Amino acid sequence: MKKIENNNLIQNNNDEMSEHYDFDYSKAKSNRFAPILAEQNGFIKLQPDIQKVFQTSDQVNNALRSIIHAIPKRNKRKMQNA
């Protein structure tokens, strides 16, 4: 197992997590992308099997619009009496 020294920290060069990490939270910065993400209220994460079928958001939107148009529309009076 090869060890690499980086910024006075010795890290294992494998995929295992160390038992303990020392983080210096005094140097932490706020997320500069948070305001942008807050504005994006329509973000939806797709499952990997769905991502294989739809590569773009336009493809997903067109499929969902087709489903919406296929749903029978109810009479407003029937919905109010329910």
N, C-alpha and C. Protein backbone atom coordinates (compact mmCIF):
# COMPACT_ATOMS: atom_id res chain seq x y z
N MET A 1 0.85 -1.17 0.00
CA MET A 1 0.00 0.00 0.00
C MET A 1 0.90 1.24 0.00
N LYS A 2 0.74 2.08 -1.02
CA LYS A 2 1.56 3.27 -1.16
C LYS A 2 0.94 4.42 -0.36
N LYS A 3 1.76 5.14 0.37
CA LYS A 3 1.27 6.29 1.13
C LYS A 3 1.79 7.56 0.49
N ILE A 4 0.94 8.55 0.42
CA ILE A 4 1.28 9.84 -0.18
C ILE A 4 1.18 10.90 0.90
N GLU A 5 2.19 11.76 1.01
CA GLU A 5 2.13 12.84 1.98
C GLU A 5 1.65 14.10 1.29
N ASN A 6 0.59 14.69 1.81
CA ASN A 6 -0.02 15.86 1.20
C ASN A 6 -0.49 16.80 2.30
N ASN A 7 0.10 17.99 2.37
CA ASN A 7 -0.28 18.99 3.38
C ASN A 7 -0.22 18.43 4.80
N ASN A 8 0.84 17.75 5.09
CA ASN A 8 1.08 17.16 6.41
C ASN A 8 0.07 16.09 6.80
N LEU A 9 -0.69 15.59 5.85
CA LEU A 9 -1.64 14.50 6.10
C LEU A 9 -1.16 13.28 5.34
N ILE A 10 -1.21 12.14 5.95
CA ILE A 10 -0.86 10.90 5.27
C ILE A 10 -2.15 10.20 4.89
N GLN A 11 -2.32 9.96 3.60
CA GLN A 11 -3.55 9.35 3.10
C GLN A 11 -3.24 7.98 2.52
N ASN A 12 -4.13 7.06 2.73
CA ASN A 12 -4.01 5.75 2.09
C ASN A 12 -4.47 5.90 0.65
N ASN A 13 -3.77 5.29 -0.26
CA ASN A 13 -4.11 5.39 -1.67
C ASN A 13 -5.06 4.25 -2.06
N ASN A 14 -6.18 4.14 -1.34
CA ASN A 14 -7.20 3.14 -1.67
C ASN A 14 -8.57 3.73 -1.39
N ASP A 15 -9.61 2.93 -1.56
CA ASP A 15 -10.97 3.43 -1.42
C ASP A 15 -11.53 3.31 -0.01
N GLU A 16 -10.73 2.88 0.94
CA GLU A 16 -11.23 2.74 2.31
C GLU A 16 -11.22 4.08 3.03
N MET A 17 -12.21 4.27 3.90
CA MET A 17 -12.27 5.50 4.68
C MET A 17 -11.43 5.36 5.94
N SER A 18 -10.81 6.45 6.30
CA SER A 18 -10.04 6.45 7.52
C SER A 18 -10.99 6.46 8.72
N GLU A 19 -10.53 6.01 9.86
CA GLU A 19 -11.38 5.98 11.05
C GLU A 19 -11.62 7.38 11.61
N HIS A 20 -10.69 8.29 11.35
CA HIS A 20 -10.82 9.62 11.94
C HIS A 20 -10.26 10.66 10.98
N TYR A 21 -10.98 11.77 10.85
CA TYR A 21 -10.52 12.90 10.05
C TYR A 21 -10.55 14.14 10.92
N ASP A 22 -9.52 14.96 10.83
CA ASP A 22 -9.48 16.22 11.56
C ASP A 22 -9.78 17.35 10.58
N PHE A 23 -10.97 17.94 10.69
CA PHE A 23 -11.36 19.04 9.83
C PHE A 23 -11.23 20.34 10.59
N ASP A 24 -10.70 21.34 9.93
CA ASP A 24 -10.57 22.67 10.52
C ASP A 24 -11.74 23.51 10.02
N TYR A 25 -12.84 23.52 10.75
CA TYR A 25 -14.04 24.21 10.33
C TYR A 25 -13.91 25.73 10.42
N SER A 26 -12.84 26.23 11.04
CA SER A 26 -12.65 27.67 11.10
C SER A 26 -12.31 28.24 9.72
N LYS A 27 -11.87 27.37 8.80
CA LYS A 27 -11.54 27.81 7.44
C LYS A 27 -12.68 27.53 6.46
N ALA A 28 -13.80 27.03 6.94
CA ALA A 28 -14.92 26.68 6.07
C ALA A 28 -15.57 27.94 5.50
N LYS A 29 -16.05 27.81 4.26
CA LYS A 29 -16.72 28.92 3.59
C LYS A 29 -18.16 28.50 3.29
N SER A 30 -19.04 29.49 3.19
CA SER A 30 -20.43 29.17 2.87
C SER A 30 -20.52 28.75 1.41
N ASN A 31 -21.58 28.03 1.07
CA ASN A 31 -21.78 27.53 -0.28
C ASN A 31 -22.14 28.69 -1.20
N ARG A 32 -21.25 29.02 -2.13
CA ARG A 32 -21.50 30.15 -3.02
C ARG A 32 -22.59 29.85 -4.04
N PHE A 33 -22.94 28.58 -4.20
CA PHE A 33 -23.98 28.21 -5.16
C PHE A 33 -25.36 28.11 -4.52
N ALA A 34 -25.47 28.27 -3.23
CA ALA A 34 -26.75 28.11 -2.53
C ALA A 34 -27.83 29.04 -3.07
N PRO A 35 -27.55 30.33 -3.31
CA PRO A 35 -28.61 31.19 -3.85
C PRO A 35 -29.12 30.74 -5.22
N ILE A 36 -28.24 30.23 -6.05
CA ILE A 36 -28.64 29.75 -7.37
C ILE A 36 -29.51 28.52 -7.23
N LEU A 37 -29.11 27.60 -6.35
CA LEU A 37 -29.87 26.38 -6.16
C LEU A 37 -31.24 26.66 -5.55
N ALA A 38 -31.32 27.68 -4.71
CA ALA A 38 -32.60 28.03 -4.09
C ALA A 38 -33.59 28.52 -5.14
N GLU A 39 -33.09 29.14 -6.22
CA GLU A 39 -33.96 29.64 -7.28
C GLU A 39 -34.47 28.51 -8.17
N GLN A 40 -33.76 27.40 -8.21
CA GLN A 40 -34.14 26.29 -9.06
C GLN A 40 -35.10 25.38 -8.31
N ASN A 41 -36.37 25.74 -8.32
CA ASN A 41 -37.35 25.00 -7.53
C ASN A 41 -37.89 23.76 -8.24
N GLY A 42 -37.52 23.52 -9.49
CA GLY A 42 -38.07 22.38 -10.22
C GLY A 42 -37.07 21.25 -10.40
N PHE A 43 -36.03 21.22 -9.63
CA PHE A 43 -35.00 20.19 -9.78
C PHE A 43 -35.52 18.85 -9.28
N ILE A 44 -35.39 17.82 -10.12
CA ILE A 44 -35.82 16.47 -9.76
C ILE A 44 -34.69 15.52 -10.12
N LYS A 45 -34.32 14.65 -9.21
CA LYS A 45 -33.27 13.67 -9.47
C LYS A 45 -33.90 12.40 -10.00
N LEU A 46 -33.37 11.93 -11.13
CA LEU A 46 -33.89 10.71 -11.76
C LEU A 46 -33.07 9.50 -11.32
N GLN A 47 -33.72 8.37 -11.25
CA GLN A 47 -33.05 7.12 -10.93
C GLN A 47 -32.19 6.69 -12.12
N PRO A 48 -31.12 5.92 -11.89
CA PRO A 48 -30.21 5.54 -12.97
C PRO A 48 -30.88 4.82 -14.15
N ASP A 49 -31.88 3.97 -13.89
CA ASP A 49 -32.54 3.28 -14.99
C ASP A 49 -33.33 4.24 -15.87
N ILE A 50 -33.87 5.30 -15.28
CA ILE A 50 -34.59 6.31 -16.05
C ILE A 50 -33.59 7.17 -16.82
N GLN A 51 -32.45 7.46 -16.23
CA GLN A 51 -31.42 8.27 -16.89
C GLN A 51 -30.89 7.59 -18.14
N LYS A 52 -30.91 6.26 -18.17
CA LYS A 52 -30.46 5.54 -19.36
C LYS A 52 -31.40 5.77 -20.54
N VAL A 53 -32.68 5.97 -20.25
CA VAL A 53 -33.68 6.16 -21.30
C VAL A 53 -33.73 7.62 -21.75
N PHE A 54 -33.68 8.55 -20.80
CA PHE A 54 -33.81 9.97 -21.10
C PHE A 54 -32.47 10.66 -20.82
N GLN A 55 -31.85 11.19 -21.88
CA GLN A 55 -30.57 11.85 -21.69
C GLN A 55 -30.70 13.37 -21.47
N THR A 56 -31.84 13.95 -21.83
CA THR A 56 -32.01 15.40 -21.68
C THR A 56 -33.30 15.71 -20.93
N SER A 57 -33.37 16.90 -20.38
CA SER A 57 -34.58 17.32 -19.67
C SER A 57 -35.74 17.49 -20.66
N ASP A 58 -35.45 17.87 -21.90
CA ASP A 58 -36.52 17.99 -22.90
C ASP A 58 -37.18 16.64 -23.17
N GLN A 59 -36.40 15.58 -23.21
CA GLN A 59 -36.97 14.25 -23.43
C GLN A 59 -37.88 13.85 -22.28
N VAL A 60 -37.47 14.15 -21.06
CA VAL A 60 -38.29 13.84 -19.88
C VAL A 60 -39.57 14.67 -19.91
N ASN A 61 -39.44 15.96 -20.21
CA ASN A 61 -40.61 16.84 -20.24
C ASN A 61 -41.61 16.41 -21.31
N ASN A 62 -41.12 16.02 -22.49
CA ASN A 62 -42.03 15.58 -23.56
C ASN A 62 -42.76 14.30 -23.16
N ALA A 63 -42.07 13.38 -22.52
CA ALA A 63 -42.71 12.14 -22.07
C ALA A 63 -43.77 12.44 -21.01
N LEU A 64 -43.47 13.31 -20.08
CA LEU A 64 -44.44 13.66 -19.04
C LEU A 64 -45.63 14.41 -19.63
N ARG A 65 -45.41 15.28 -20.60
CA ARG A 65 -46.54 15.98 -21.25
C ARG A 65 -47.46 14.97 -21.95
N SER A 66 -46.86 13.96 -22.58
CA SER A 66 -47.68 12.92 -23.24
C SER A 66 -48.55 12.20 -22.22
N ILE A 67 -47.99 11.90 -21.07
CA ILE A 67 -48.75 11.24 -20.01
C ILE A 67 -49.87 12.15 -19.52
N ILE A 68 -49.56 13.42 -19.33
CA ILE A 68 -50.57 14.38 -18.84
C ILE A 68 -51.72 14.48 -19.83
N HIS A 69 -51.42 14.54 -21.13
CA HIS A 69 -52.48 14.64 -22.14
C HIS A 69 -53.29 13.36 -22.23
N ALA A 70 -52.72 12.22 -21.84
CA ALA A 70 -53.43 10.95 -21.90
C ALA A 70 -54.38 10.76 -20.72
N ILE A 71 -54.18 11.52 -19.65
CA ILE A 71 -55.04 11.41 -18.47
C ILE A 71 -56.40 12.05 -18.80
N PRO A 72 -57.48 11.31 -18.59
CA PRO A 72 -58.81 11.89 -18.89
C PRO A 72 -59.09 13.09 -17.98
N LYS A 73 -59.64 14.12 -18.59
CA LYS A 73 -59.99 15.32 -17.82
C LYS A 73 -61.34 15.10 -17.16
N ARG A 74 -61.43 15.49 -15.90
CA ARG A 74 -62.68 15.33 -15.15
C ARG A 74 -63.52 16.59 -15.28
N ASN A 75 -64.80 16.40 -15.16
CA ASN A 75 -65.73 17.52 -15.16
C ASN A 75 -65.55 18.27 -13.83
N LYS A 76 -65.50 19.59 -13.87
CA LYS A 76 -65.29 20.38 -12.66
C LYS A 76 -66.40 20.15 -11.64
N ARG A 77 -67.63 19.97 -12.08
CA ARG A 77 -68.74 19.75 -11.15
C ARG A 77 -68.57 18.43 -10.41
N LYS A 78 -68.13 17.40 -11.09
CA LYS A 78 -67.93 16.11 -10.44
C LYS A 78 -66.83 16.22 -9.40
N MET A 79 -65.79 17.00 -9.70
CA MET A 79 -64.69 17.14 -8.77
C MET A 79 -65.13 17.93 -7.53
N GLN A 80 -66.00 18.93 -7.68
CA GLN A 80 -66.45 19.73 -6.56
C GLN A 80 -67.38 18.93 -5.64
N ASN A 81 -68.16 18.01 -6.20
CA ASN A 81 -69.09 17.21 -5.41
C ASN A 81 -68.39 16.05 -4.70
N ALA A 82 -67.19 15.73 -5.10
CA ALA A 82 -66.48 14.58 -4.51
C ALA A 82 -65.97 14.87 -3.14
